[in-house]
Amino acid sequence: MSDQQLRKEAHDLDVTVWVGKKGVDAVVEETADQLDDAKLVKVKFLRAARGGSTTDELAAELADAVDAELVETRGNTAVLH
């Protein structure tokens, strides 16, 4: 499946993982569980999580931690596959 098709599917998805001040480590297990059940997971990075990092950096870190592909980031939201 192409990234373009995945992005199109992700467009209508609701955010199901929120990353807050506890950071990426706090949501690794939850994100991995959701990826087991669903093809795509939409993650929102709250301001408290970002600190000095960009959403792109945090999304890449989370994707690595759960062995997923980062499909896209848009604003403070990322889609993992």
N, C-alpha and C. Protein backbone atom coordinates (compact mmCIF):
# COMPACT_ATOMS: atom_id res chain seq x y z
N MET A 1 0.84 -1.19 0.00
CA MET A 1 0.00 0.00 0.00
C MET A 1 0.88 1.25 0.00
N SER A 2 0.57 2.20 -0.84
CA SER A 2 1.42 3.38 -0.95
C SER A 2 1.17 4.35 0.21
N ASP A 3 2.16 5.20 0.45
CA ASP A 3 2.02 6.22 1.49
C ASP A 3 0.83 7.13 1.19
N GLN A 4 0.62 7.40 -0.10
CA GLN A 4 -0.50 8.27 -0.48
C GLN A 4 -1.83 7.64 -0.07
N GLN A 5 -1.98 6.34 -0.31
CA GLN A 5 -3.21 5.65 0.09
C GLN A 5 -3.36 5.65 1.62
N LEU A 6 -2.25 5.42 2.31
CA LEU A 6 -2.29 5.42 3.78
C LEU A 6 -2.68 6.79 4.31
N ARG A 7 -2.11 7.84 3.72
CA ARG A 7 -2.44 9.21 4.15
C ARG A 7 -3.92 9.50 3.95
N LYS A 8 -4.46 9.01 2.82
CA LYS A 8 -5.87 9.23 2.52
C LYS A 8 -6.74 8.53 3.58
N GLU A 9 -6.40 7.30 3.92
CA GLU A 9 -7.13 6.58 4.96
C GLU A 9 -7.01 7.26 6.31
N ALA A 10 -5.82 7.77 6.61
CA ALA A 10 -5.55 8.38 7.91
C ALA A 10 -6.33 9.68 8.10
N HIS A 11 -6.68 10.32 7.01
CA HIS A 11 -7.35 11.62 7.07
C HIS A 11 -8.59 11.58 7.95
N ASP A 12 -9.37 10.50 7.87
CA ASP A 12 -10.62 10.42 8.62
C ASP A 12 -10.48 9.76 9.99
N LEU A 13 -9.27 9.34 10.31
CA LEU A 13 -9.05 8.69 11.61
C LEU A 13 -9.12 9.69 12.74
N ASP A 14 -9.61 9.21 13.89
CA ASP A 14 -9.54 10.01 15.11
C ASP A 14 -8.21 9.77 15.79
N VAL A 15 -7.74 10.77 16.53
CA VAL A 15 -6.54 10.60 17.34
C VAL A 15 -6.86 9.62 18.45
N THR A 16 -6.00 8.60 18.63
CA THR A 16 -6.25 7.62 19.69
C THR A 16 -5.10 7.55 20.70
N VAL A 17 -4.00 8.26 20.42
CA VAL A 17 -2.88 8.31 21.36
C VAL A 17 -2.48 9.77 21.52
N TRP A 18 -2.38 10.20 22.77
CA TRP A 18 -1.93 11.56 23.07
C TRP A 18 -0.61 11.48 23.83
N VAL A 19 0.37 12.23 23.37
CA VAL A 19 1.67 12.27 24.04
C VAL A 19 1.73 13.58 24.82
N GLY A 20 1.88 13.47 26.13
CA GLY A 20 1.91 14.66 26.98
C GLY A 20 3.27 14.84 27.62
N LYS A 21 3.26 15.43 28.81
CA LYS A 21 4.53 15.81 29.44
C LYS A 21 5.39 14.61 29.84
N LYS A 22 4.81 13.42 29.92
CA LYS A 22 5.61 12.23 30.25
C LYS A 22 6.38 11.72 29.03
N GLY A 23 6.06 12.28 27.88
CA GLY A 23 6.84 11.99 26.68
C GLY A 23 6.49 10.69 25.97
N VAL A 24 7.29 10.39 24.97
CA VAL A 24 7.08 9.25 24.09
C VAL A 24 7.11 7.93 24.86
N ASP A 25 8.04 7.80 25.80
CA ASP A 25 8.18 6.53 26.54
C ASP A 25 6.87 6.09 27.20
N ALA A 26 6.08 7.05 27.61
CA ALA A 26 4.84 6.74 28.34
C ALA A 26 3.77 6.12 27.45
N VAL A 27 3.90 6.27 26.14
CA VAL A 27 2.84 5.77 25.24
C VAL A 27 3.31 4.65 24.32
N VAL A 28 4.54 4.18 24.49
CA VAL A 28 5.07 3.14 23.60
C VAL A 28 4.21 1.89 23.64
N GLU A 29 3.91 1.41 24.83
CA GLU A 29 3.14 0.16 24.95
C GLU A 29 1.74 0.31 24.37
N GLU A 30 1.08 1.40 24.70
CA GLU A 30 -0.28 1.66 24.19
C GLU A 30 -0.27 1.75 22.66
N THR A 31 0.70 2.46 22.11
CA THR A 31 0.79 2.61 20.66
C THR A 31 1.03 1.26 19.99
N ALA A 32 1.92 0.47 20.56
CA ALA A 32 2.20 -0.86 20.01
C ALA A 32 0.95 -1.73 20.02
N ASP A 33 0.19 -1.68 21.12
CA ASP A 33 -1.05 -2.45 21.22
C ASP A 33 -2.05 -2.03 20.15
N GLN A 34 -2.17 -0.72 19.96
CA GLN A 34 -3.11 -0.22 18.95
C GLN A 34 -2.68 -0.62 17.54
N LEU A 35 -1.38 -0.60 17.28
CA LEU A 35 -0.89 -1.00 15.97
C LEU A 35 -1.12 -2.49 15.71
N ASP A 36 -1.16 -3.28 16.78
CA ASP A 36 -1.49 -4.71 16.63
C ASP A 36 -2.92 -4.88 16.14
N ASP A 37 -3.80 -3.97 16.58
CA ASP A 37 -5.23 -4.08 16.28
C ASP A 37 -5.65 -3.30 15.05
N ALA A 38 -4.91 -2.28 14.70
CA ALA A 38 -5.31 -1.40 13.59
C ALA A 38 -4.13 -1.16 12.66
N LYS A 39 -4.46 -0.88 11.42
CA LYS A 39 -3.41 -0.65 10.42
C LYS A 39 -2.73 0.70 10.65
N LEU A 40 -3.52 1.67 11.05
CA LEU A 40 -3.01 3.03 11.24
C LEU A 40 -3.38 3.53 12.63
N VAL A 41 -2.45 4.30 13.22
CA VAL A 41 -2.72 4.93 14.51
C VAL A 41 -2.34 6.41 14.40
N LYS A 42 -3.26 7.26 14.82
CA LYS A 42 -3.02 8.71 14.78
C LYS A 42 -2.63 9.17 16.18
N VAL A 43 -1.52 9.90 16.25
CA VAL A 43 -0.94 10.33 17.52
C VAL A 43 -0.87 11.85 17.56
N LYS A 44 -1.31 12.42 18.66
CA LYS A 44 -1.24 13.87 18.84
C LYS A 44 -0.16 14.19 19.88
N PHE A 45 0.73 15.09 19.53
CA PHE A 45 1.79 15.52 20.45
C PHE A 45 1.40 16.86 21.06
N LEU A 46 1.07 16.83 22.35
CA LEU A 46 0.67 18.04 23.05
C LEU A 46 1.87 18.94 23.30
N ARG A 47 1.61 20.19 23.54
CA ARG A 47 2.70 21.16 23.73
C ARG A 47 3.67 20.72 24.82
N ALA A 48 3.13 20.14 25.89
CA ALA A 48 3.97 19.72 27.02
C ALA A 48 4.97 18.64 26.59
N ALA A 49 4.63 17.85 25.60
CA ALA A 49 5.52 16.77 25.15
C ALA A 49 6.65 17.32 24.29
N ARG A 50 6.37 18.41 23.60
CA ARG A 50 7.32 18.87 22.60
C ARG A 50 8.58 19.49 23.19
N GLY A 51 8.44 20.28 24.23
CA GLY A 51 9.62 20.90 24.82
C GLY A 51 10.51 21.50 23.74
N GLY A 52 11.74 21.01 23.63
CA GLY A 52 12.64 21.53 22.60
C GLY A 52 12.65 20.69 21.34
N SER A 53 11.80 19.69 21.26
CA SER A 53 11.78 18.80 20.09
C SER A 53 10.67 19.19 19.13
N THR A 54 10.85 18.80 17.88
CA THR A 54 9.79 19.02 16.90
C THR A 54 8.87 17.81 16.88
N THR A 55 7.69 18.00 16.36
CA THR A 55 6.75 16.88 16.21
C THR A 55 7.38 15.79 15.35
N ASP A 56 8.09 16.19 14.30
CA ASP A 56 8.75 15.21 13.42
C ASP A 56 9.73 14.33 14.19
N GLU A 57 10.53 14.97 15.06
CA GLU A 57 11.52 14.22 15.84
C GLU A 57 10.84 13.24 16.80
N LEU A 58 9.80 13.73 17.49
CA LEU A 58 9.09 12.88 18.45
C LEU A 58 8.38 11.74 17.73
N ALA A 59 7.78 12.03 16.59
CA ALA A 59 7.06 11.00 15.84
C ALA A 59 8.03 9.93 15.35
N ALA A 60 9.20 10.34 14.90
CA ALA A 60 10.21 9.38 14.44
C ALA A 60 10.69 8.52 15.60
N GLU A 61 10.85 9.14 16.76
CA GLU A 61 11.28 8.42 17.96
C GLU A 61 10.24 7.37 18.36
N LEU A 62 8.96 7.75 18.32
CA LEU A 62 7.89 6.82 18.67
C LEU A 62 7.80 5.70 17.63
N ALA A 63 7.92 6.04 16.36
CA ALA A 63 7.86 5.02 15.31
C ALA A 63 8.98 3.99 15.50
N ASP A 64 10.17 4.47 15.81
CA ASP A 64 11.30 3.56 16.07
C ASP A 64 11.01 2.66 17.27
N ALA A 65 10.45 3.25 18.32
CA ALA A 65 10.22 2.52 19.57
C ALA A 65 9.21 1.39 19.38
N VAL A 66 8.26 1.56 18.47
CA VAL A 66 7.24 0.53 18.26
C VAL A 66 7.45 -0.22 16.94
N ASP A 67 8.59 0.04 16.30
CA ASP A 67 8.93 -0.63 15.05
C ASP A 67 7.85 -0.43 13.99
N ALA A 68 7.45 0.83 13.83
CA ALA A 68 6.41 1.18 12.87
C ALA A 68 6.95 2.14 11.83
N GLU A 69 6.19 2.32 10.77
CA GLU A 69 6.55 3.29 9.74
C GLU A 69 5.82 4.59 10.05
N LEU A 70 6.54 5.70 9.95
CA LEU A 70 5.92 7.02 10.10
C LEU A 70 5.36 7.40 8.74
N VAL A 71 4.04 7.45 8.63
CA VAL A 71 3.40 7.74 7.35
C VAL A 71 3.46 9.24 7.06
N GLU A 72 3.10 10.05 8.05
CA GLU A 72 3.17 11.50 7.86
C GLU A 72 3.05 12.22 9.19
N THR A 73 3.52 13.45 9.20
CA THR A 73 3.22 14.35 10.31
C THR A 73 2.55 15.57 9.69
N ARG A 74 1.58 16.08 10.43
CA ARG A 74 0.90 17.29 9.97
C ARG A 74 0.56 18.08 11.22
N GLY A 75 1.12 19.27 11.32
CA GLY A 75 0.93 20.04 12.54
C GLY A 75 1.55 19.30 13.70
N ASN A 76 0.77 19.04 14.74
CA ASN A 76 1.26 18.32 15.91
C ASN A 76 0.74 16.89 15.97
N THR A 77 0.34 16.38 14.81
CA THR A 77 -0.24 15.04 14.71
C THR A 77 0.61 14.19 13.77
N ALA A 78 0.74 12.92 14.12
CA ALA A 78 1.49 11.98 13.29
C ALA A 78 0.63 10.75 13.04
N VAL A 79 0.91 10.09 11.92
CA VAL A 79 0.23 8.83 11.61
C VAL A 79 1.29 7.74 11.50
N LEU A 80 1.09 6.65 12.24
CA LEU A 80 1.99 5.52 12.22
C LEU A 80 1.30 4.32 11.57
N HIS A 81 2.14 3.51 10.91
CA HIS A 81 1.62 2.31 10.23
C HIS A 81 2.48 1.13 10.62
